[in-house]
N, C-alpha and C. Protein backbone atom coordinates (compact mmCIF):
# COMPACT_ATOMS: atom_id res chain seq x y z
N MET A 1 184.00 105.10 87.38
CA MET A 1 182.97 105.81 86.46
C MET A 1 183.28 107.61 86.77
N ASP A 2 182.97 108.16 85.78
CA ASP A 2 183.26 109.68 86.05
C ASP A 2 181.79 110.40 86.58
N VAL A 3 180.75 109.71 85.83
CA VAL A 3 179.44 110.41 85.19
C VAL A 3 178.68 109.60 85.49
N ALA A 4 177.27 109.63 86.42
CA ALA A 4 176.09 108.82 86.40
C ALA A 4 175.10 109.68 85.92
N LEU A 5 174.74 108.81 84.39
CA LEU A 5 173.58 109.64 83.62
C LEU A 5 172.54 109.12 84.20
N VAL A 6 171.35 110.31 85.03
CA VAL A 6 170.08 109.57 85.04
C VAL A 6 169.10 110.22 84.39
N MET A 7 167.72 109.44 84.12
CA MET A 7 166.99 110.01 83.40
C MET A 7 165.81 109.32 84.31
N GLY A 8 164.78 110.35 84.32
CA GLY A 8 163.27 109.95 85.10
C GLY A 8 162.62 109.17 84.25
N SER A 9 162.95 108.61 83.10
CA SER A 9 161.66 107.59 82.22
C SER A 9 162.87 106.90 81.20
N ILE A 10 162.30 105.61 80.72
CA ILE A 10 163.17 105.15 79.40
C ILE A 10 162.79 106.27 78.34
N SER A 11 161.64 106.77 78.70
CA SER A 11 161.15 107.94 77.15
C SER A 11 162.03 109.24 77.12
N ASP A 12 163.11 109.24 78.02
CA ASP A 12 163.67 110.54 78.09
C ASP A 12 165.05 109.81 77.08
N TRP A 13 165.23 108.28 76.87
CA TRP A 13 166.69 108.00 76.77
C TRP A 13 166.78 108.73 74.99
N ASP A 14 166.04 108.67 74.20
CA ASP A 14 166.13 109.45 72.57
C ASP A 14 166.52 110.72 72.60
N LYS A 15 166.47 111.66 74.26
CA LYS A 15 166.94 112.81 73.90
C LYS A 15 168.07 113.04 74.75
N VAL A 16 168.68 112.16 75.41
CA VAL A 16 169.65 111.93 76.31
C VAL A 16 170.82 111.28 75.78
N ARG A 17 170.47 110.61 74.42
CA ARG A 17 171.54 109.99 73.69
C ARG A 17 172.85 110.28 72.97
N VAL A 18 172.30 111.85 72.58
CA VAL A 18 173.86 112.88 72.28
C VAL A 18 174.65 113.07 73.40
N THR A 19 174.07 113.26 74.40
CA THR A 19 174.73 113.14 75.73
C THR A 19 176.00 112.06 75.85
N THR A 20 175.44 110.94 75.70
CA THR A 20 176.15 109.79 75.99
C THR A 20 177.15 109.32 74.31
N GLU A 21 177.29 110.13 73.29
CA GLU A 21 177.96 109.94 72.38
C GLU A 21 179.14 110.74 72.44
N LEU A 22 178.53 112.24 72.73
CA LEU A 22 179.53 113.38 73.27
C LEU A 22 180.42 113.05 74.55
N LEU A 23 180.08 112.34 75.60
CA LEU A 23 180.82 111.96 76.52
C LEU A 23 182.20 110.66 76.01
N LYS A 24 181.44 110.21 75.34
CA LYS A 24 182.31 109.04 74.67
C LYS A 24 183.34 109.77 73.85
N LYS A 25 182.90 110.37 73.00
CA LYS A 25 184.06 111.36 72.16
C LYS A 25 185.12 112.20 73.15
N LEU A 26 184.62 112.67 74.53
CA LEU A 26 185.35 113.74 75.41
C LEU A 26 185.91 112.58 76.04
N ASN A 27 185.91 111.24 75.79
CA ASN A 27 186.46 109.93 76.50
C ASN A 27 186.42 110.41 78.47
N VAL A 28 185.26 110.34 78.79
CA VAL A 28 184.45 110.84 79.78
C VAL A 28 183.88 109.43 80.01
N SER A 29 183.68 108.85 81.12
CA SER A 29 183.00 107.61 81.44
C SER A 29 182.15 107.47 81.87
N PHE A 30 180.93 106.85 81.79
CA PHE A 30 179.49 107.19 82.44
C PHE A 30 178.89 105.86 82.56
N ASP A 31 177.93 106.03 83.28
CA ASP A 31 177.08 104.69 83.44
C ASP A 31 175.71 105.30 83.37
N LYS A 32 174.91 104.45 82.57
CA LYS A 32 173.20 105.10 82.71
C LYS A 32 172.02 104.57 83.29
N HIS A 33 171.37 105.34 84.23
CA HIS A 33 170.52 104.73 84.75
C HIS A 33 168.88 105.33 84.63
N VAL A 34 168.29 104.53 84.84
CA VAL A 34 166.39 105.57 84.68
C VAL A 34 165.88 104.92 86.24
N ILE A 35 165.47 106.31 86.91
CA ILE A 35 165.42 106.37 88.40
C ILE A 35 164.20 107.87 88.70
N SER A 36 163.07 107.00 88.19
CA SER A 36 162.17 108.46 88.41
C SER A 36 162.03 108.89 89.91
N ALA A 37 161.85 110.23 90.12
CA ALA A 37 161.98 110.97 91.61
C ALA A 37 160.72 110.50 92.12
N HIS A 38 159.43 110.37 90.99
CA HIS A 38 158.13 110.17 91.64
C HIS A 38 157.78 108.79 91.91
N ARG A 39 158.32 107.88 90.93
CA ARG A 39 158.00 106.45 90.88
C ARG A 39 158.83 105.68 91.73
N MET A 40 160.02 106.10 92.25
CA MET A 40 161.18 105.57 92.39
C MET A 40 162.27 106.17 93.83
N PRO A 41 161.20 106.79 94.80
CA PRO A 41 161.41 107.56 95.59
C PRO A 41 162.89 107.07 96.44
N ASN A 42 162.31 106.04 96.97
CA ASN A 42 163.64 105.20 97.75
C ASN A 42 164.67 104.53 97.27
N GLU A 43 164.33 104.40 95.93
CA GLU A 43 166.06 104.42 95.38
C GLU A 43 166.92 104.89 94.90
N LEU A 44 165.92 106.53 94.53
CA LEU A 44 166.72 107.91 94.14
C LEU A 44 167.26 108.21 95.48
N GLN A 45 166.97 108.04 96.54
CA GLN A 45 167.52 108.55 97.91
C GLN A 45 169.00 107.74 97.91
N LYS A 46 168.69 106.31 97.74
CA LYS A 46 169.88 105.23 97.53
C LYS A 46 170.91 105.72 96.79
N PHE A 47 170.06 106.03 95.76
CA PHE A 47 171.25 105.81 94.58
C PHE A 47 172.32 107.68 94.72
N ALA A 48 171.40 108.24 95.09
CA ALA A 48 172.18 109.73 95.04
C ALA A 48 172.74 109.67 96.58
N SER A 49 172.82 108.84 97.35
CA SER A 49 173.35 109.11 98.39
C SER A 49 174.67 108.13 98.60
N SER A 50 174.74 107.46 97.52
CA SER A 50 175.82 106.51 97.73
C SER A 50 176.60 107.00 96.37
N ALA A 51 176.31 107.45 95.40
CA ALA A 51 176.83 108.03 94.14
C ALA A 51 178.77 108.35 94.66
N LYS A 52 178.96 108.84 95.33
CA LYS A 52 180.41 109.74 95.78
C LYS A 52 181.07 108.38 96.06
N SER A 53 180.60 107.50 97.31
CA SER A 53 181.01 106.20 97.83
C SER A 53 181.33 105.41 96.53
N GLU A 54 180.44 105.46 95.43
CA GLU A 54 180.48 104.35 94.46
C GLU A 54 181.38 104.94 92.96
N HIS A 55 181.91 106.27 93.43
CA HIS A 55 183.02 106.98 93.14
C HIS A 55 182.78 107.46 91.58
N TYR A 56 181.64 107.91 91.46
CA TYR A 56 181.28 109.05 90.42
C TYR A 56 181.81 110.22 91.03
N LYS A 57 181.83 111.29 89.91
CA LYS A 57 182.44 112.47 90.44
C LYS A 57 181.30 113.22 90.03
N MET A 58 180.04 113.29 89.08
CA MET A 58 179.17 113.97 89.22
C MET A 58 177.76 113.01 88.82
N ILE A 59 176.59 113.85 88.82
CA ILE A 59 175.49 113.58 88.34
C ILE A 59 174.97 114.30 87.41
N ILE A 60 174.82 113.27 86.16
CA ILE A 60 173.96 114.27 85.24
C ILE A 60 172.36 113.86 85.48
N ALA A 61 171.36 114.86 85.31
CA ALA A 61 170.18 114.51 85.82
C ALA A 61 169.10 114.66 84.42
N ALA A 62 168.12 114.22 83.62
CA ALA A 62 167.85 114.34 82.56
C ALA A 62 166.12 114.19 83.02
N ALA A 63 165.47 114.94 83.07
CA ALA A 63 163.43 114.93 83.30
C ALA A 63 163.16 116.13 82.37
N GLY A 64 161.69 115.32 82.45
CA GLY A 64 160.68 116.51 82.05
C GLY A 64 159.46 116.60 82.73
N GLY A 65 158.20 117.60 82.34
CA GLY A 65 157.63 117.88 83.29
C GLY A 65 157.90 118.20 84.60
N ALA A 66 157.39 117.68 85.65
CA ALA A 66 158.00 118.42 87.12
C ALA A 66 159.32 118.31 87.32
N ALA A 67 160.28 117.50 86.70
CA ALA A 67 161.52 117.65 86.68
C ALA A 67 162.13 117.49 88.06
N HIS A 68 161.85 116.78 88.50
CA HIS A 68 162.19 116.87 90.21
C HIS A 68 163.60 115.82 90.37
N LEU A 69 163.84 115.67 89.12
CA LEU A 69 164.65 114.12 89.73
C LEU A 69 165.90 115.21 89.85
N PRO A 70 166.72 116.16 89.18
CA PRO A 70 167.65 116.95 89.55
C PRO A 70 168.26 117.32 90.58
N GLY A 71 166.89 117.91 91.54
CA GLY A 71 167.04 118.81 92.61
C GLY A 71 166.88 117.72 93.34
N MET A 72 166.68 116.44 93.82
CA MET A 72 166.22 115.33 94.49
C MET A 72 167.44 114.86 94.60
N MET A 73 168.21 114.94 93.34
CA MET A 73 169.47 114.24 93.39
C MET A 73 170.49 114.97 94.04
N ALA A 74 170.50 116.17 93.85
CA ALA A 74 171.44 117.42 94.35
C ALA A 74 170.97 117.20 95.88
N ALA A 75 169.89 117.08 96.23
CA ALA A 75 169.57 117.08 97.71
C ALA A 75 169.84 116.07 98.44
N ASN A 76 170.33 115.23 98.09
CA ASN A 76 170.93 113.65 98.38
C ASN A 76 172.10 113.62 98.36
N THR A 77 172.74 114.42 97.63
CA THR A 77 174.42 114.26 97.28
C THR A 77 175.16 115.40 97.21
N ASP A 78 176.73 115.23 97.93
CA ASP A 78 177.46 116.55 97.60
C ASP A 78 178.05 116.55 96.57
N LEU A 79 178.08 115.99 95.43
CA LEU A 79 178.22 115.62 94.14
C LEU A 79 178.06 117.07 93.22
N PRO A 80 178.55 117.22 92.25
CA PRO A 80 177.84 118.30 91.14
C PRO A 80 176.60 117.62 90.42
N VAL A 81 175.37 118.31 90.71
CA VAL A 81 174.67 117.53 89.58
C VAL A 81 174.36 118.61 88.11
N ILE A 82 174.34 118.02 87.38
CA ILE A 82 173.70 118.70 86.03
C ILE A 82 172.48 118.80 85.58
N GLY A 83 171.35 119.05 85.21
CA GLY A 83 170.37 119.07 85.20
C GLY A 83 170.01 119.27 83.37
N ILE A 84 169.40 118.00 82.83
CA ILE A 84 169.10 118.71 81.51
C ILE A 84 167.30 118.78 81.14
N PRO A 85 167.10 119.42 81.12
CA PRO A 85 165.22 119.87 80.91
C PRO A 85 164.88 119.22 79.68
N ILE A 86 164.06 118.30 79.93
CA ILE A 86 163.34 117.43 78.63
C ILE A 86 162.33 118.24 78.28
N GLN A 87 162.38 118.47 76.74
CA GLN A 87 161.19 119.26 76.23
C GLN A 87 159.84 118.23 76.52
N THR A 88 158.95 119.06 77.01
CA THR A 88 157.72 117.99 77.08
C THR A 88 156.77 118.34 76.03
N LYS A 89 155.61 117.62 75.85
CA LYS A 89 154.55 118.40 74.79
C LYS A 89 153.77 119.53 75.35
N SER A 90 153.59 119.19 76.73
CA SER A 90 152.67 119.79 77.09
C SER A 90 153.13 121.57 77.08
N LEU A 91 154.30 121.91 78.15
CA LEU A 91 154.77 123.56 77.82
C LEU A 91 155.91 123.62 77.45
N ASN A 92 156.25 122.54 76.48
CA ASN A 92 157.35 122.75 75.41
C ASN A 92 158.76 123.08 76.35
N GLY A 93 158.96 122.23 77.69
CA GLY A 93 160.23 122.21 78.23
C GLY A 93 160.11 123.38 79.22
N ILE A 94 159.46 124.17 79.10
CA ILE A 94 159.15 125.42 80.32
C ILE A 94 159.71 125.18 81.17
N ASP A 95 158.16 124.03 81.61
CA ASP A 95 158.11 123.61 83.15
C ASP A 95 159.25 122.50 83.91
N SER A 96 159.98 121.72 82.56
CA SER A 96 161.40 121.00 83.15
C SER A 96 162.35 122.48 83.88
N LEU A 97 162.50 123.31 82.85
CA LEU A 97 163.92 124.46 82.87
C LEU A 97 163.20 125.03 84.47
N LEU A 98 162.03 125.52 84.47
CA LEU A 98 161.52 126.48 85.32
C LEU A 98 161.46 125.55 87.02
N SER A 99 161.64 124.23 86.96
CA SER A 99 161.67 123.72 88.18
C SER A 99 163.06 123.36 88.43
N MET A 100 164.13 123.21 87.63
CA MET A 100 165.37 122.84 87.70
C MET A 100 166.11 124.09 88.08
N VAL A 101 166.03 125.25 87.85
CA VAL A 101 166.78 127.00 87.45
C VAL A 101 166.38 127.22 89.23
N GLN A 102 164.68 126.89 89.87
CA GLN A 102 164.68 127.69 91.00
C GLN A 102 164.79 126.99 92.19
N MET A 103 165.96 126.18 92.13
CA MET A 103 166.29 125.28 93.49
C MET A 103 167.13 126.37 94.59
N PRO A 104 166.53 126.20 95.63
CA PRO A 104 166.62 127.04 96.78
C PRO A 104 167.90 126.94 97.15
N ALA A 105 168.47 128.32 97.69
CA ALA A 105 170.04 128.53 97.87
C ALA A 105 170.19 127.30 99.01
N GLY A 106 171.45 126.54 98.57
CA GLY A 106 172.52 125.28 99.50
C GLY A 106 171.96 124.25 98.41
N VAL A 107 171.45 123.99 97.86
CA VAL A 107 171.04 122.88 96.84
C VAL A 107 171.04 123.24 95.40
N PRO A 108 172.31 123.58 94.67
CA PRO A 108 172.34 123.76 93.40
C PRO A 108 172.15 122.90 92.20
N VAL A 109 171.67 123.00 91.00
CA VAL A 109 171.47 121.75 89.80
C VAL A 109 171.94 123.15 89.01
N ALA A 110 173.21 122.39 88.22
CA ALA A 110 173.93 123.38 86.97
C ALA A 110 173.05 122.94 86.09
N THR A 111 172.05 123.99 85.43
CA THR A 111 170.81 123.79 84.41
C THR A 111 171.30 124.26 83.25
N VAL A 112 171.35 123.32 81.94
CA VAL A 112 171.47 123.30 80.67
C VAL A 112 170.14 124.04 79.70
N ALA A 113 170.64 123.95 78.51
CA ALA A 113 169.21 124.33 77.53
C ALA A 113 168.32 123.07 77.78
N ILE A 114 167.32 123.60 77.55
CA ILE A 114 166.39 122.44 77.07
C ILE A 114 166.32 122.17 75.35
N GLY A 115 166.31 120.95 75.50
CA GLY A 115 166.60 120.31 73.96
C GLY A 115 167.98 119.43 73.71
N ASN A 116 168.10 119.60 72.82
CA ASN A 116 169.34 118.91 71.88
C ASN A 116 170.67 119.77 72.37
N ALA A 117 170.34 120.63 72.19
CA ALA A 117 171.69 121.96 72.79
C ALA A 117 172.49 121.24 74.28
N GLY A 118 170.91 121.46 75.40
CA GLY A 118 171.32 121.06 76.47
C GLY A 118 171.52 119.94 76.70
N ALA A 119 171.21 118.58 75.92
CA ALA A 119 171.90 117.89 76.10
C ALA A 119 173.46 117.33 75.84
N LYS A 120 173.95 118.29 74.85
CA LYS A 120 175.57 118.48 74.12
C LYS A 120 175.72 118.79 75.82
N ASN A 121 175.67 120.18 75.96
CA ASN A 121 176.45 121.06 76.94
C ASN A 121 176.32 120.31 78.18
N ALA A 122 175.26 119.84 78.70
CA ALA A 122 175.36 118.74 79.82
C ALA A 122 176.84 118.15 79.63
N ALA A 123 177.09 117.09 78.62
CA ALA A 123 178.17 116.31 78.51
C ALA A 123 179.44 117.29 78.82
N ILE A 124 179.71 118.61 77.66
CA ILE A 124 181.01 119.62 77.50
C ILE A 124 180.61 119.75 78.92
N LEU A 125 179.98 120.23 80.04
CA LEU A 125 180.49 120.50 81.09
C LEU A 125 180.93 119.84 82.04
N ALA A 126 180.40 118.31 81.95
CA ALA A 126 181.22 117.69 82.89
C ALA A 126 182.27 117.14 82.49
N ALA A 127 182.52 117.29 80.90
CA ALA A 127 184.24 117.26 80.63
C ALA A 127 185.01 117.87 81.36
N GLN A 128 184.56 119.11 80.76
CA GLN A 128 185.44 120.37 81.56
C GLN A 128 185.63 120.38 83.02
N ILE A 129 184.69 119.77 83.95
CA ILE A 129 185.19 119.03 85.08
C ILE A 129 185.75 118.27 85.55
N ILE A 130 185.27 117.52 84.60
CA ILE A 130 186.40 116.08 85.02
C ILE A 130 187.85 116.66 84.34
N ALA A 131 188.05 117.30 83.22
CA ALA A 131 189.32 117.87 82.73
C ALA A 131 190.30 118.89 83.73
N LEU A 132 189.45 119.14 84.75
CA LEU A 132 190.42 119.72 85.75
C LEU A 132 191.50 119.09 86.44
N ASN A 133 191.49 117.30 86.66
CA ASN A 133 192.33 116.48 86.75
C ASN A 133 192.46 115.38 85.87
N ASN A 134 192.22 115.44 85.07
CA ASN A 134 191.97 114.72 83.68
C ASN A 134 192.71 114.85 82.55
N PRO A 135 194.32 114.74 82.39
CA PRO A 135 194.72 115.41 81.03
C PRO A 135 194.07 114.79 80.03
N THR A 136 193.90 113.39 79.86
CA THR A 136 193.27 112.67 78.64
C THR A 136 191.82 113.32 78.03
N VAL A 137 191.20 113.84 78.92
CA VAL A 137 189.79 114.71 79.03
C VAL A 137 189.80 115.99 78.35
N ALA A 138 191.03 116.29 79.02
CA ALA A 138 191.43 118.03 78.77
C ALA A 138 191.77 118.17 77.40
N ASP A 139 193.06 117.24 76.96
CA ASP A 139 193.29 116.72 75.44
C ASP A 139 192.03 117.12 74.35
N LYS A 140 191.20 115.98 74.82
CA LYS A 140 189.95 115.64 73.69
C LYS A 140 188.66 116.99 74.10
N LEU A 141 188.98 117.82 74.78
CA LEU A 141 187.80 118.76 75.25
C LEU A 141 188.68 119.89 74.31
N ASP A 142 189.87 119.90 74.22
CA ASP A 142 190.37 121.00 73.40
C ASP A 142 190.49 120.50 72.60
N THR A 143 190.95 119.63 71.37
CA THR A 143 190.06 119.04 70.12
C THR A 143 189.16 119.44 69.56
N PHE A 144 187.95 119.04 71.00
CA PHE A 144 186.75 119.07 70.55
C PHE A 144 186.81 121.09 69.98
N ARG A 145 187.26 121.83 71.00
CA ARG A 145 186.90 123.23 70.74
C ARG A 145 187.56 123.94 69.57
N ARG A 146 188.61 123.27 69.32
CA ARG A 146 189.51 123.67 68.17
C ARG A 146 188.90 123.31 66.94
N ASN A 147 188.15 121.84 66.87
CA ASN A 147 187.21 121.34 66.04
C ASN A 147 186.07 122.34 65.33
N GLN A 148 185.49 122.50 66.48
CA GLN A 148 184.12 123.44 66.76
C GLN A 148 184.66 124.47 66.03
N THR A 149 185.50 125.69 66.25
CA THR A 149 186.00 126.53 65.72
C THR A 149 186.23 126.47 64.39
N LYS A 150 187.07 125.70 64.06
CA LYS A 150 187.46 125.08 62.55
C LYS A 150 186.54 124.96 61.96
N GLU A 151 185.34 124.64 62.07
CA GLU A 151 184.05 124.32 61.57
C GLU A 151 183.10 125.50 61.35
N ALA A 152 183.34 126.22 62.18
CA ALA A 152 182.39 127.70 62.01
C ALA A 152 183.04 128.58 61.32
N ILE A 153 184.65 128.29 61.02
CA ILE A 153 185.43 129.29 60.28
C ILE A 153 184.95 128.74 59.10
N ASN A 154 185.15 127.86 58.64
CA ASN A 154 184.91 127.36 57.66
C ASN A 154 183.53 127.17 56.73
N SER A 155 182.57 127.42 57.76
CA SER A 155 181.43 127.51 57.35
C SER A 155 181.02 128.76 56.48
N ASN A 156 181.79 129.55 56.48
CA ASN A 156 182.08 131.10 55.76
C ASN A 156 181.94 130.30 54.09
N GLU A 157 182.99 129.49 53.96
CA GLU A 157 183.23 128.68 52.41
C GLU A 157 181.65 128.52 51.37
N ARG A 158 180.91 128.28 52.21
CA ARG A 158 179.50 127.18 51.72
C ARG A 158 178.71 129.33 51.73
N LEU A 159 178.83 130.06 51.93
CA LEU A 159 178.26 131.36 51.96
C LEU A 159 178.68 131.87 50.06
N GLU A 160 179.52 130.99 49.53
CA GLU A 160 180.01 131.59 48.22
C GLU A 160 179.44 131.09 47.14
């Protein structure tokens, strides 16, 4: 597998489903897991510390609220970790975002936007990293980008 997609709670699934759809479209293989940083600390440590030996190339970690999941994953592996801040009811996802982007030096978490755009960008960023050594993913990513540009240019026709 290329990517381990980890959610802090099953309630995050609806928000990161678009990540899996885009990973599939870009030909990036992945597994899905629910691992709570707060309720499953032993499982988190075991998973993150063995992720490289399980042949993952990176981890995408989605969490809301205190959002310690991406940081704790990063603290327990030397694989790249991409954090998706999940939008929360209480603070609209700002709490999630801040907990991810304020990682101490030496424990990076590549953090994307809150919400749907971030969930999609996590898949694209993962594909960009995988594409460095995978020509099939590189081709899929190139096609995706060209189609995205074509759609934007063609949207001008709707202005008439």
